[in-house]
């Protein structure tokens, strides 16, 4: 006779995959999928005095872990347990804005990233 598999059976078999999907879905409630090329805020929680999330771009997200490269060029692999350390970046923070009051991420991380972008483009005082 046909026996229907329960969700528990599937969950036990692919626990890591389900945990990653659950954590990513919790973090990206407004985004249905996380794709390579998406910009995110990466909260490294280093324990230092001035911990601020850094901008990062998703490079790979189909191997059970999420690979991101931050604004400083450092590569990070995010495990399913740490997927809550990433948050979507507002489009205004991706390329920067001239007037910082227009930032969608008007917080310390957004302001610092905007200054970094303007510094790299030699537009710091314009």
C-alpha atoms as a PDB file:
ATOM      1  CA  UNK A   1       0.000   0.000   0.000  1.00  0.00           C
ATOM      2  CA  UNK A   2       1.152   3.535  -0.722  1.00  0.00           C
ATOM      3  CA  UNK A   3       2.529   5.342   2.314  1.00  0.00           C
ATOM      4  CA  UNK A   4       2.561   9.100   2.198  1.00  0.00           C
ATOM      5  CA  UNK A   5       5.747  10.684   3.507  1.00  0.00           C
ATOM      6  CA  UNK A   6       5.255  13.357   6.062  1.00  0.00           C
ATOM      7  CA  UNK A   7       6.978  16.703   6.198  1.00  0.00           C
ATOM      8  CA  UNK A   8       8.998  15.383   9.123  1.00  0.00           C
ATOM      9  CA  UNK A   9      10.568  12.664   6.926  1.00  0.00           C
ATOM     10  CA  UNK A  10      11.652  15.177   4.297  1.00  0.00           C
ATOM     11  CA  UNK A  11      12.816  17.615   6.969  1.00  0.00           C
ATOM     12  CA  UNK A  12      14.991  15.013   8.687  1.00  0.00           C
ATOM     13  CA  UNK A  13      16.599  13.993   5.394  1.00  0.00           C
ATOM     14  CA  UNK A  14      17.614  17.522   4.293  1.00  0.00           C
ATOM     15  CA  UNK A  15      17.832  19.353   7.614  1.00  0.00           C
ATOM     16  CA  UNK A  16      20.559  21.775   6.482  1.00  0.00           C
ATOM     17  CA  UNK A  17      18.751  22.754   3.298  1.00  0.00           C
ATOM     18  CA  UNK A  18      15.478  23.366   5.156  1.00  0.00           C
ATOM     19  CA  UNK A  19      17.263  25.430   7.805  1.00  0.00           C
ATOM     20  CA  UNK A  20      18.901  27.593   5.137  1.00  0.00           C
ATOM     21  CA  UNK A  21      15.597  28.151   3.352  1.00  0.00           C
ATOM     22  CA  UNK A  22      13.808  28.941   6.609  1.00  0.00           C
ATOM     23  CA  UNK A  23      16.460  31.447   7.721  1.00  0.00           C
ATOM     24  CA  UNK A  24      16.752  33.121   4.325  1.00  0.00           C
ATOM     25  CA  UNK A  25      12.973  33.396   4.065  1.00  0.00           C
ATOM     26  CA  UNK A  26      12.813  34.985   7.510  1.00  0.00           C
ATOM     27  CA  UNK A  27      15.479  37.533   6.597  1.00  0.00           C
ATOM     28  CA  UNK A  28      14.221  38.281   3.100  1.00  0.00           C
ATOM     29  CA  UNK A  29      10.496  38.445   3.701  1.00  0.00           C
ATOM     30  CA  UNK A  30      10.058  41.030   0.942  1.00  0.00           C
ATOM     31  CA  UNK A  31      12.383  39.192  -1.459  1.00  0.00           C
ATOM     32  CA  UNK A  32      11.181  35.861  -2.716  1.00  0.00           C
ATOM     33  CA  UNK A  33      14.599  34.665  -3.792  1.00  0.00           C
ATOM     34  CA  UNK A  34      18.187  35.545  -3.083  1.00  0.00           C
ATOM     35  CA  UNK A  35      20.106  35.754  -6.337  1.00  0.00           C
ATOM     36  CA  UNK A  36      23.733  36.328  -7.279  1.00  0.00           C
ATOM     37  CA  UNK A  37      24.215  40.058  -7.778  1.00  0.00           C
ATOM     38  CA  UNK A  38      21.865  41.085  -4.960  1.00  0.00           C
ATOM     39  CA  UNK A  39      23.239  43.639  -2.517  1.00  0.00           C
ATOM     40  CA  UNK A  40      22.871  42.970   1.199  1.00  0.00           C
ATOM     41  CA  UNK A  41      23.973  44.307   4.562  1.00  0.00           C
ATOM     42  CA  UNK A  42      26.302  41.910   6.318  1.00  0.00           C
ATOM     43  CA  UNK A  43      26.418  42.163  10.108  1.00  0.00           C
ATOM     44  CA  UNK A  44      29.699  40.512  11.084  1.00  0.00           C
ATOM     45  CA  UNK A  45      29.291  41.027  14.862  1.00  0.00           C
ATOM     46  CA  UNK A  46      33.002  41.123  15.529  1.00  0.00           C
ATOM     47  CA  UNK A  47      32.556  42.329  19.093  1.00  0.00           C
ATOM     48  CA  UNK A  48      34.560  45.503  18.509  1.00  0.00           C
ATOM     49  CA  UNK A  49      33.468  48.868  19.819  1.00  0.00           C
ATOM     50  CA  UNK A  50      32.243  50.181  16.472  1.00  0.00           C
ATOM     51  CA  UNK A  51      30.388  47.254  14.917  1.00  0.00           C
ATOM     52  CA  UNK A  52      28.533  48.453  11.829  1.00  0.00           C
ATOM     53  CA  UNK A  53      27.071  46.244   9.091  1.00  0.00           C
ATOM     54  CA  UNK A  54      28.990  46.406   5.821  1.00  0.00           C
ATOM     55  CA  UNK A  55      27.669  46.278   2.293  1.00  0.00           C
ATOM     56  CA  UNK A  56      28.146  43.078   0.340  1.00  0.00           C
ATOM     57  CA  UNK A  57      27.145  41.500  -2.945  1.00  0.00           C
ATOM     58  CA  UNK A  58      25.867  37.938  -3.219  1.00  0.00           C
ATOM     59  CA  UNK A  59      28.130  35.813  -5.412  1.00  0.00           C
ATOM     60  CA  UNK A  60      26.751  32.302  -4.859  1.00  0.00           C
ATOM     61  CA  UNK A  61      23.696  31.000  -3.054  1.00  0.00           C
ATOM     62  CA  UNK A  62      22.944  27.518  -4.351  1.00  0.00           C
ATOM     63  CA  UNK A  63      25.540  25.390  -2.581  1.00  0.00           C
ATOM     64  CA  UNK A  64      23.893  25.153   0.847  1.00  0.00           C
ATOM     65  CA  UNK A  65      25.744  28.288   1.946  1.00  0.00           C
ATOM     66  CA  UNK A  66      25.675  31.888   0.773  1.00  0.00           C
ATOM     67  CA  UNK A  67      28.894  33.399  -0.571  1.00  0.00           C
ATOM     68  CA  UNK A  68      29.165  37.189  -0.361  1.00  0.00           C
ATOM     69  CA  UNK A  69      31.973  39.655  -1.060  1.00  0.00           C
ATOM     70  CA  UNK A  70      31.921  42.763   1.125  1.00  0.00           C
ATOM     71  CA  UNK A  71      32.800  46.347   0.145  1.00  0.00           C
ATOM     72  CA  UNK A  72      36.402  45.805   1.250  1.00  0.00           C
ATOM     73  CA  UNK A  73      36.794  42.805  -1.071  1.00  0.00           C
ATOM     74  CA  UNK A  74      36.697  40.171   1.674  1.00  0.00           C
ATOM     75  CA  UNK A  75      34.879  36.920   0.899  1.00  0.00           C
ATOM     76  CA  UNK A  76      32.451  35.485   3.460  1.00  0.00           C
ATOM     77  CA  UNK A  77      30.535  32.210   3.514  1.00  0.00           C
ATOM     78  CA  UNK A  78      27.253  32.433   5.421  1.00  0.00           C
ATOM     79  CA  UNK A  79      25.939  29.215   6.927  1.00  0.00           C
ATOM     80  CA  UNK A  80      22.215  28.544   7.416  1.00  0.00           C
ATOM     81  CA  UNK A  81      22.573  29.272  11.150  1.00  0.00           C
ATOM     82  CA  UNK A  82      24.007  32.749  10.411  1.00  0.00           C
ATOM     83  CA  UNK A  83      21.623  33.711   7.601  1.00  0.00           C
ATOM     84  CA  UNK A  84      19.943  36.144   9.983  1.00  0.00           C
ATOM     85  CA  UNK A  85      23.141  38.258   9.807  1.00  0.00           C
ATOM     86  CA  UNK A  86      22.230  39.468   6.316  1.00  0.00           C
ATOM     87  CA  UNK A  87      19.539  41.969   5.401  1.00  0.00           C
ATOM     88  CA  UNK A  88      18.471  43.349   2.021  1.00  0.00           C
ATOM     89  CA  UNK A  89      20.005  46.647   0.926  1.00  0.00           C
ATOM     90  CA  UNK A  90      17.782  49.502  -0.222  1.00  0.00           C
ATOM     91  CA  UNK A  91      18.368  50.435  -3.890  1.00  0.00           C
ATOM     92  CA  UNK A  92      19.567  53.927  -2.937  1.00  0.00           C
ATOM     93  CA  UNK A  93      22.446  52.423  -0.959  1.00  0.00           C
ATOM     94  CA  UNK A  94      23.692  50.321  -3.870  1.00  0.00           C
ATOM     95  CA  UNK A  95      25.147  53.126  -5.985  1.00  0.00           C
ATOM     96  CA  UNK A  96      24.964  55.996  -3.492  1.00  0.00           C
ATOM     97  CA  UNK A  97      23.162  59.324  -3.597  1.00  0.00           C
ATOM     98  CA  UNK A  98      24.278  62.936  -3.704  1.00  0.00           C
ATOM     99  CA  UNK A  99      22.023  64.094  -0.877  1.00  0.00           C
ATOM    100  CA  UNK A 100      22.181  61.631   2.029  1.00  0.00           C
ATOM    101  CA  UNK A 101      18.697  62.544   3.256  1.00  0.00           C
ATOM    102  CA  UNK A 102      17.484  60.545   0.225  1.00  0.00           C
ATOM    103  CA  UNK A 103      19.043  57.292   1.477  1.00  0.00           C
ATOM    104  CA  UNK A 104      16.532  54.527   2.025  1.00  0.00           C
ATOM    105  CA  UNK A 105      18.897  53.042   4.614  1.00  0.00           C
ATOM    106  CA  UNK A 106      19.316  56.209   6.647  1.00  0.00           C
ATOM    107  CA  UNK A 107      21.417  54.672   9.387  1.00  0.00           C
ATOM    108  CA  UNK A 108      25.098  54.553  10.298  1.00  0.00           C
ATOM    109  CA  UNK A 109      25.884  51.752   7.853  1.00  0.00           C
ATOM    110  CA  UNK A 110      24.046  53.455   4.983  1.00  0.00           C
ATOM    111  CA  UNK A 111      25.757  56.786   5.591  1.00  0.00           C
ATOM    112  CA  UNK A 112      29.225  55.207   5.836  1.00  0.00           C
ATOM    113  CA  UNK A 113      28.692  53.187   2.658  1.00  0.00           C
ATOM    114  CA  UNK A 114      27.490  56.271   0.803  1.00  0.00           C
ATOM    115  CA  UNK A 115      30.630  58.133   1.908  1.00  0.00           C
ATOM    116  CA  UNK A 116      32.771  55.184   0.773  1.00  0.00           C
ATOM    117  CA  UNK A 117      31.123  55.183  -2.669  1.00  0.00           C
ATOM    118  CA  UNK A 118      31.553  58.949  -3.023  1.00  0.00           C
ATOM    119  CA  UNK A 119      35.196  58.680  -1.904  1.00  0.00           C
ATOM    120  CA  UNK A 120      35.948  56.029  -4.536  1.00  0.00           C
ATOM    121  CA  UNK A 121      34.295  58.217  -7.196  1.00  0.00           C
ATOM    122  CA  UNK A 122      36.249  61.285  -5.973  1.00  0.00           C
ATOM    123  CA  UNK A 123      32.978  63.095  -5.185  1.00  0.00           C
ATOM    124  CA  UNK A 124      33.480  63.493  -1.455  1.00  0.00           C
ATOM    125  CA  UNK A 125      33.074  67.293  -1.302  1.00  0.00           C
ATOM    126  CA  UNK A 126      30.724  67.888  -4.216  1.00  0.00           C
END
